[in-house]
Amino acid sequence: GSLLGWLGCVPHPKDWLVVKPLCEDTQAAMGGLPLMRLTSHTLKSYDFPADNILIIENDQSCYSLPKMPNTIAISGGGKNVAWLFESCLLNKNLAYWGDIDADGFFILNKVRKYAPAITSIMMDRAVLELYQSQMVMENHTLALKELTLLTEQEYELYKSLNTGLFSGNRLEQEKIPLQYVQTQLQQWLELINDKE
């Protein structure tokens, strides 16, 4: 019954994701665009011209990423990660970086449903211990879910967020200094290179 339906218009997508090539070669292979928005439907069938894909929970963290060879970052999907299913990305080196909070671990668990071998980055106790002063307290109490696809260390950290062990129960990605982020991402790339 709507005018758009009557005109045969394609519905406006609600699942735009930010795609950012992180090196000049990858950017050139993607038409020279430094930043773009694509729908999850497009991501399912697009074969990205990079071997390393970094999936990030929040757009702001994606915008601030440093240059990285042979790497593309994708952000803004939040809990919408079903696009990974049957995606051309599954044959890439995948990493996920989210907030250290209940939602971040929930999303990581959900991502692993589609990409079991994905590596989590900067979602560990060492990061919390370094940047505990940047943590905040969310108003709600964490209702523990059985997140069976987390590693043992990830699940223990997830469970400990509301125990009072830390100064808060949430560390947002944006609160981690860029220099530390660069170091951790470089280590991820080095691990990939060592395996090849």
C-alpha atoms as a PDB file:
ATOM      1  CA  GLY A   1       0.000   0.000   0.000  1.00  0.00           C
ATOM      2  CA  SER A   2       2.780   2.611   0.157  1.00  0.00           C
ATOM      3  CA  LEU A   3       3.693   5.023  -2.617  1.00  0.00           C
ATOM      4  CA  LEU A   4       7.264   3.650  -2.765  1.00  0.00           C
ATOM      5  CA  GLY A   5       5.899   0.119  -3.156  1.00  0.00           C
ATOM      6  CA  TRP A   6       3.482   1.228  -5.850  1.00  0.00           C
ATOM      7  CA  LEU A   7       6.344   2.937  -7.721  1.00  0.00           C
ATOM      8  CA  GLY A   8       8.447  -0.216  -7.423  1.00  0.00           C
ATOM      9  CA  CYS A   9      11.213   1.534  -5.480  1.00  0.00           C
ATOM     10  CA  VAL A  10      13.833  -0.456  -3.630  1.00  0.00           C
ATOM     11  CA  PRO A  11      13.389   0.041   0.132  1.00  0.00           C
ATOM     12  CA  HIS A  12      15.930   2.302   1.842  1.00  0.00           C
ATOM     13  CA  PRO A  13      18.595   0.048   3.424  1.00  0.00           C
ATOM     14  CA  LYS A  14      18.783   0.151   7.207  1.00  0.00           C
ATOM     15  CA  ASP A  15      22.068  -1.709   7.576  1.00  0.00           C
ATOM     16  CA  TRP A  16      24.799   0.535   6.224  1.00  0.00           C
ATOM     17  CA  LEU A  17      28.339  -0.299   7.311  1.00  0.00           C
ATOM     18  CA  VAL A  18      31.459   1.853   7.098  1.00  0.00           C
ATOM     19  CA  VAL A  19      34.242   0.401   4.954  1.00  0.00           C
ATOM     20  CA  LYS A  20      37.693   1.949   5.213  1.00  0.00           C
ATOM     21  CA  PRO A  21      40.693   0.721   3.200  1.00  0.00           C
ATOM     22  CA  LEU A  22      43.774   1.136   5.373  1.00  0.00           C
ATOM     23  CA  CYS A  23      46.510   1.259   2.739  1.00  0.00           C
ATOM     24  CA  GLU A  24      47.033   3.046  -0.580  1.00  0.00           C
ATOM     25  CA  ASP A  25      47.047  -0.154  -2.657  1.00  0.00           C
ATOM     26  CA  THR A  26      43.752  -1.350  -1.211  1.00  0.00           C
ATOM     27  CA  GLN A  27      42.241   2.100  -1.549  1.00  0.00           C
ATOM     28  CA  ALA A  28      43.307   2.277  -5.204  1.00  0.00           C
ATOM     29  CA  ALA A  29      41.765  -1.157  -5.841  1.00  0.00           C
ATOM     30  CA  MET A  30      38.495   0.157  -4.385  1.00  0.00           C
ATOM     31  CA  GLY A  31      38.223   3.096  -6.768  1.00  0.00           C
ATOM     32  CA  GLY A  32      40.445   5.427  -4.769  1.00  0.00           C
ATOM     33  CA  LEU A  33      37.780   6.081  -2.151  1.00  0.00           C
ATOM     34  CA  PRO A  34      39.163   6.544   1.376  1.00  0.00           C
ATOM     35  CA  LEU A  35      35.855   5.764   3.087  1.00  0.00           C
ATOM     36  CA  MET A  36      32.533   4.353   1.930  1.00  0.00           C
ATOM     37  CA  ARG A  37      29.233   2.990   3.184  1.00  0.00           C
ATOM     38  CA  LEU A  38      27.972  -0.330   1.886  1.00  0.00           C
ATOM     39  CA  THR A  39      24.949  -2.397   2.839  1.00  0.00           C
ATOM     40  CA  SER A  40      25.346  -5.769   4.487  1.00  0.00           C
ATOM     41  CA  HIS A  41      23.802  -7.307   1.350  1.00  0.00           C
ATOM     42  CA  THR A  42      26.670  -5.858  -0.705  1.00  0.00           C
ATOM     43  CA  LEU A  43      29.243  -7.106   1.790  1.00  0.00           C
ATOM     44  CA  LYS A  44      28.007 -10.671   1.397  1.00  0.00           C
ATOM     45  CA  SER A  45      29.045 -10.828  -2.243  1.00  0.00           C
ATOM     46  CA  TYR A  46      31.916  -8.334  -2.493  1.00  0.00           C
ATOM     47  CA  ASP A  47      35.405  -9.823  -2.613  1.00  0.00           C
ATOM     48  CA  PHE A  48      37.530  -7.198  -0.903  1.00  0.00           C
ATOM     49  CA  PRO A  49      41.012  -6.593  -2.356  1.00  0.00           C
ATOM     50  CA  ALA A  50      42.834  -7.191   0.937  1.00  0.00           C
ATOM     51  CA  ASP A  51      43.789 -10.290   2.901  1.00  0.00           C
ATOM     52  CA  ASN A  52      43.187  -8.774   6.351  1.00  0.00           C
ATOM     53  CA  ILE A  53      39.767  -7.604   7.522  1.00  0.00           C
ATOM     54  CA  LEU A  54      39.265  -5.803  10.823  1.00  0.00           C
ATOM     55  CA  ILE A  55      35.655  -5.714  12.065  1.00  0.00           C
ATOM     56  CA  ILE A  56      35.052  -2.932  14.569  1.00  0.00           C
ATOM     57  CA  GLU A  57      32.030  -2.299  16.770  1.00  0.00           C
ATOM     58  CA  ASN A  58      32.019   1.522  16.613  1.00  0.00           C
ATOM     59  CA  ASP A  59      32.438   3.870  13.650  1.00  0.00           C
ATOM     60  CA  GLN A  60      34.510   6.440  15.561  1.00  0.00           C
ATOM     61  CA  SER A  61      37.239   3.904  16.268  1.00  0.00           C
ATOM     62  CA  CYS A  62      37.249   2.920  12.603  1.00  0.00           C
ATOM     63  CA  TYR A  63      37.723   6.524  11.448  1.00  0.00           C
ATOM     64  CA  SER A  64      40.844   6.918  13.602  1.00  0.00           C
ATOM     65  CA  LEU A  65      42.644   3.742  12.504  1.00  0.00           C
ATOM     66  CA  PRO A  66      46.242   4.047  11.294  1.00  0.00           C
ATOM     67  CA  LYS A  67      47.523   2.928   7.895  1.00  0.00           C
ATOM     68  CA  MET A  68      47.927  -0.850   7.726  1.00  0.00           C
ATOM     69  CA  PRO A  69      49.133  -2.830   4.719  1.00  0.00           C
ATOM     70  CA  ASN A  70      46.732  -5.157   2.929  1.00  0.00           C
ATOM     71  CA  THR A  71      43.924  -4.361   5.399  1.00  0.00           C
ATOM     72  CA  ILE A  72      40.344  -3.097   5.288  1.00  0.00           C
ATOM     73  CA  ALA A  73      38.257  -2.081   8.309  1.00  0.00           C
ATOM     74  CA  ILE A  74      34.478  -2.542   8.515  1.00  0.00           C
ATOM     75  CA  SER A  75      32.410  -0.928  11.273  1.00  0.00           C
ATOM     76  CA  GLY A  76      28.980   0.185  12.300  1.00  0.00           C
ATOM     77  CA  GLY A  77      27.192  -3.147  12.194  1.00  0.00           C
ATOM     78  CA  GLY A  78      26.827  -3.436  15.950  1.00  0.00           C
ATOM     79  CA  LYS A  79      24.867  -6.617  16.642  1.00  0.00           C
ATOM     80  CA  ASN A  80      24.100  -7.022  12.931  1.00  0.00           C
ATOM     81  CA  VAL A  81      26.804  -9.532  11.992  1.00  0.00           C
ATOM     82  CA  ALA A  82      24.688 -12.054  10.064  1.00  0.00           C
ATOM     83  CA  TRP A  83      26.127 -10.583   6.850  1.00  0.00           C
ATOM     84  CA  LEU A  84      29.287 -12.585   7.640  1.00  0.00           C
ATOM     85  CA  PHE A  85      27.345 -15.740   6.805  1.00  0.00           C
ATOM     86  CA  GLU A  86      28.193 -16.835   3.247  1.00  0.00           C
ATOM     87  CA  SER A  87      30.418 -13.779   2.998  1.00  0.00           C
ATOM     88  CA  CYS A  88      33.504 -13.632   0.788  1.00  0.00           C
ATOM     89  CA  LEU A  89      35.276 -12.380   3.923  1.00  0.00           C
ATOM     90  CA  LEU A  90      35.388 -15.820   5.498  1.00  0.00           C
ATOM     91  CA  ASN A  91      38.535 -16.730   3.542  1.00  0.00           C
ATOM     92  CA  LYS A  92      40.355 -13.658   4.900  1.00  0.00           C
ATOM     93  CA  ASN A  93      42.367 -13.067   8.082  1.00  0.00           C
ATOM     94  CA  LEU A  94      39.633 -11.720  10.350  1.00  0.00           C
ATOM     95  CA  ALA A  95      39.862  -9.811  13.620  1.00  0.00           C
ATOM     96  CA  TYR A  96      37.164  -8.270  15.813  1.00  0.00           C
ATOM     97  CA  TRP A  97      37.616  -5.287  18.119  1.00  0.00           C
ATOM     98  CA  GLY A  98      34.707  -4.194  20.286  1.00  0.00           C
ATOM     99  CA  ASP A  99      34.063  -2.380  23.537  1.00  0.00           C
ATOM    100  CA  ILE A 100      34.967  -4.349  26.633  1.00  0.00           C
ATOM    101  CA  ASP A 101      31.441  -4.601  27.981  1.00  0.00           C
ATOM    102  CA  ALA A 102      28.472  -6.941  27.870  1.00  0.00           C
ATOM    103  CA  ASP A 103      27.479  -5.899  24.343  1.00  0.00           C
ATOM    104  CA  GLY A 104      31.025  -6.143  23.012  1.00  0.00           C
ATOM    105  CA  PHE A 105      31.386  -9.738  24.215  1.00  0.00           C
ATOM    106  CA  PHE A 106      27.860 -10.602  23.054  1.00  0.00           C
ATOM    107  CA  ILE A 107      28.721  -9.365  19.558  1.00  0.00           C
ATOM    108  CA  LEU A 108      32.060 -11.212  19.554  1.00  0.00           C
ATOM    109  CA  ASN A 109      30.240 -14.421  20.483  1.00  0.00           C
ATOM    110  CA  LYS A 110      27.745 -13.797  17.673  1.00  0.00           C
ATOM    111  CA  VAL A 111      30.531 -13.081  15.161  1.00  0.00           C
ATOM    112  CA  ARG A 112      32.159 -16.417  16.015  1.00  0.00           C
ATOM    113  CA  LYS A 113      28.926 -18.162  15.041  1.00  0.00           C
ATOM    114  CA  TYR A 114      29.696 -17.146  11.457  1.00  0.00           C
ATOM    115  CA  ALA A 115      33.499 -16.866  11.613  1.00  0.00           C
ATOM    116  CA  PRO A 116      34.771 -19.315  14.275  1.00  0.00           C
ATOM    117  CA  ALA A 117      38.457 -18.569  13.640  1.00  0.00           C
ATOM    118  CA  ILE A 118      38.176 -14.801  14.109  1.00  0.00           C
ATOM    119  CA  THR A 119      40.740 -13.234  16.446  1.00  0.00           C
ATOM    120  CA  SER A 120      39.660 -10.762  19.116  1.00  0.00           C
ATOM    121  CA  ILE A 121      41.906  -7.737  19.591  1.00  0.00           C
ATOM    122  CA  MET A 122      42.169  -5.483  22.664  1.00  0.00           C
ATOM    123  CA  MET A 123      39.357  -7.275  24.475  1.00  0.00           C
ATOM    124  CA  ASP A 124      41.393  -8.749  27.315  1.00  0.00           C
ATOM    125  CA  ARG A 125      42.326  -8.225  30.949  1.00  0.00           C
ATOM    126  CA  ALA A 126      45.657  -6.552  30.064  1.00  0.00           C
ATOM    127  CA  VAL A 127      43.796  -3.710  28.327  1.00  0.00           C
ATOM    128  CA  LEU A 128      41.470  -3.245  31.319  1.00  0.00           C
ATOM    129  CA  GLU A 129      44.351  -3.158  33.741  1.00  0.00           C
ATOM    130  CA  LEU A 130      46.138  -0.521  31.650  1.00  0.00           C
ATOM    131  CA  TYR A 131      43.101   1.717  31.088  1.00  0.00           C
ATOM    132  CA  GLN A 132      40.889   0.973  34.089  1.00  0.00           C
ATOM    133  CA  SER A 133      40.756   4.692  34.895  1.00  0.00           C
ATOM    134  CA  GLN A 134      38.839   5.187  31.633  1.00  0.00           C
ATOM    135  CA  MET A 135      36.108   2.703  32.515  1.00  0.00           C
ATOM    136  CA  VAL A 136      32.548   3.822  33.186  1.00  0.00           C
ATOM    137  CA  MET A 137      29.686   2.183  35.048  1.00  0.00           C
ATOM    138  CA  GLU A 138      26.626   1.330  33.000  1.00  0.00           C
ATOM    139  CA  ASN A 139      23.412   1.670  34.967  1.00  0.00           C
ATOM    140  CA  HIS A 140      22.083  -1.794  34.286  1.00  0.00           C
ATOM    141  CA  THR A 141      23.290  -4.952  35.941  1.00  0.00           C
ATOM    142  CA  LEU A 142      24.775  -7.511  33.609  1.00  0.00           C
ATOM    143  CA  ALA A 143      22.473 -10.479  33.172  1.00  0.00           C
ATOM    144  CA  LEU A 144      25.021 -13.178  32.401  1.00  0.00           C
ATOM    145  CA  LYS A 145      24.402 -15.087  29.209  1.00  0.00           C
ATOM    146  CA  GLU A 146      26.085 -18.329  28.307  1.00  0.00           C
ATOM    147  CA  LEU A 147      28.388 -17.101  25.558  1.00  0.00           C
ATOM    148  CA  THR A 148      29.761 -20.463  24.501  1.00  0.00           C
ATOM    149  CA  LEU A 149      31.894 -19.229  21.601  1.00  0.00           C
ATOM    150  CA  LEU A 150      34.154 -16.996  23.692  1.00  0.00           C
ATOM    151  CA  THR A 151      37.559 -18.280  24.727  1.00  0.00           C
ATOM    152  CA  GLU A 152      37.958 -19.180  28.391  1.00  0.00           C
ATOM    153  CA  GLN A 153      39.827 -15.913  29.062  1.00  0.00           C
ATOM    154  CA  GLU A 154      37.219 -13.812  27.234  1.00  0.00           C
ATOM    155  CA  TYR A 155      34.361 -15.464  29.118  1.00  0.00           C
ATOM    156  CA  GLU A 156      36.066 -14.991  32.500  1.00  0.00           C
ATOM    157  CA  LEU A 157      36.577 -11.304  31.735  1.00  0.00           C
ATOM    158  CA  TYR A 158      32.958 -10.983  30.591  1.00  0.00           C
ATOM    159  CA  LYS A 159      31.754 -12.547  33.869  1.00  0.00           C
ATOM    160  CA  SER A 160      34.010 -10.312  35.986  1.00  0.00           C
ATOM    161  CA  LEU A 161      32.720  -6.993  34.606  1.00  0.00           C
ATOM    162  CA  ASN A 162      30.037  -6.542  37.285  1.00  0.00           C
ATOM    163  CA  THR A 163      31.901  -8.013  40.250  1.00  0.00           C
ATOM    164  CA  GLY A 164      33.461  -4.752  41.445  1.00  0.00           C
ATOM    165  CA  LEU A 165      36.900  -6.006  40.470  1.00  0.00           C
ATOM    166  CA  PHE A 166      37.305  -3.027  38.137  1.00  0.00           C
ATOM    167  CA  SER A 167      36.393   0.632  38.529  1.00  0.00           C
ATOM    168  CA  GLY A 168      33.535   0.221  36.045  1.00  0.00           C
ATOM    169  CA  ASN A 169      31.869  -2.354  33.840  1.00  0.00           C
ATOM    170  CA  ARG A 170      32.564  -0.815  30.448  1.00  0.00           C
ATOM    171  CA  LEU A 171      35.674   0.301  28.575  1.00  0.00           C
ATOM    172  CA  GLU A 172      34.799   1.937  25.290  1.00  0.00           C
ATOM    173  CA  GLN A 173      37.113   1.504  22.323  1.00  0.00           C
ATOM    174  CA  GLU A 174      37.508   5.251  21.936  1.00  0.00           C
ATOM    175  CA  LYS A 175      39.109   5.509  25.393  1.00  0.00           C
ATOM    176  CA  ILE A 176      42.121   3.410  24.384  1.00  0.00           C
ATOM    177  CA  PRO A 177      45.021   5.628  23.237  1.00  0.00           C
ATOM    178  CA  LEU A 178      45.771   5.507  19.514  1.00  0.00           C
ATOM    179  CA  GLN A 179      49.436   4.653  20.107  1.00  0.00           C
ATOM    180  CA  TYR A 180      48.419   1.506  22.019  1.00  0.00           C
ATOM    181  CA  VAL A 181      45.896   0.622  19.287  1.00  0.00           C
ATOM    182  CA  GLN A 182      48.607   0.953  16.630  1.00  0.00           C
ATOM    183  CA  THR A 183      50.948  -1.334  18.573  1.00  0.00           C
ATOM    184  CA  GLN A 184      48.280  -4.016  19.040  1.00  0.00           C
ATOM    185  CA  LEU A 185      47.229  -3.936  15.397  1.00  0.00           C
ATOM    186  CA  GLN A 186      50.847  -4.188  14.300  1.00  0.00           C
ATOM    187  CA  GLN A 187      51.248  -7.270  16.500  1.00  0.00           C
ATOM    188  CA  TRP A 188      48.162  -8.811  14.867  1.00  0.00           C
ATOM    189  CA  LEU A 189      49.690  -8.285  11.409  1.00  0.00           C
ATOM    190  CA  GLU A 190      52.998  -9.764  12.571  1.00  0.00           C
ATOM    191  CA  LEU A 191      51.205 -12.881  13.849  1.00  0.00           C
ATOM    192  CA  ILE A 192      49.503 -13.266  10.467  1.00  0.00           C
ATOM    193  CA  ASN A 193      52.811 -12.911   8.635  1.00  0.00           C
ATOM    194  CA  ASP A 194      54.464 -15.465  10.925  1.00  0.00           C
ATOM    195  CA  LYS A 195      51.770 -18.031  10.059  1.00  0.00           C
ATOM    196  CA  GLU A 196      52.231 -17.577   6.302  1.00  0.00           C
END
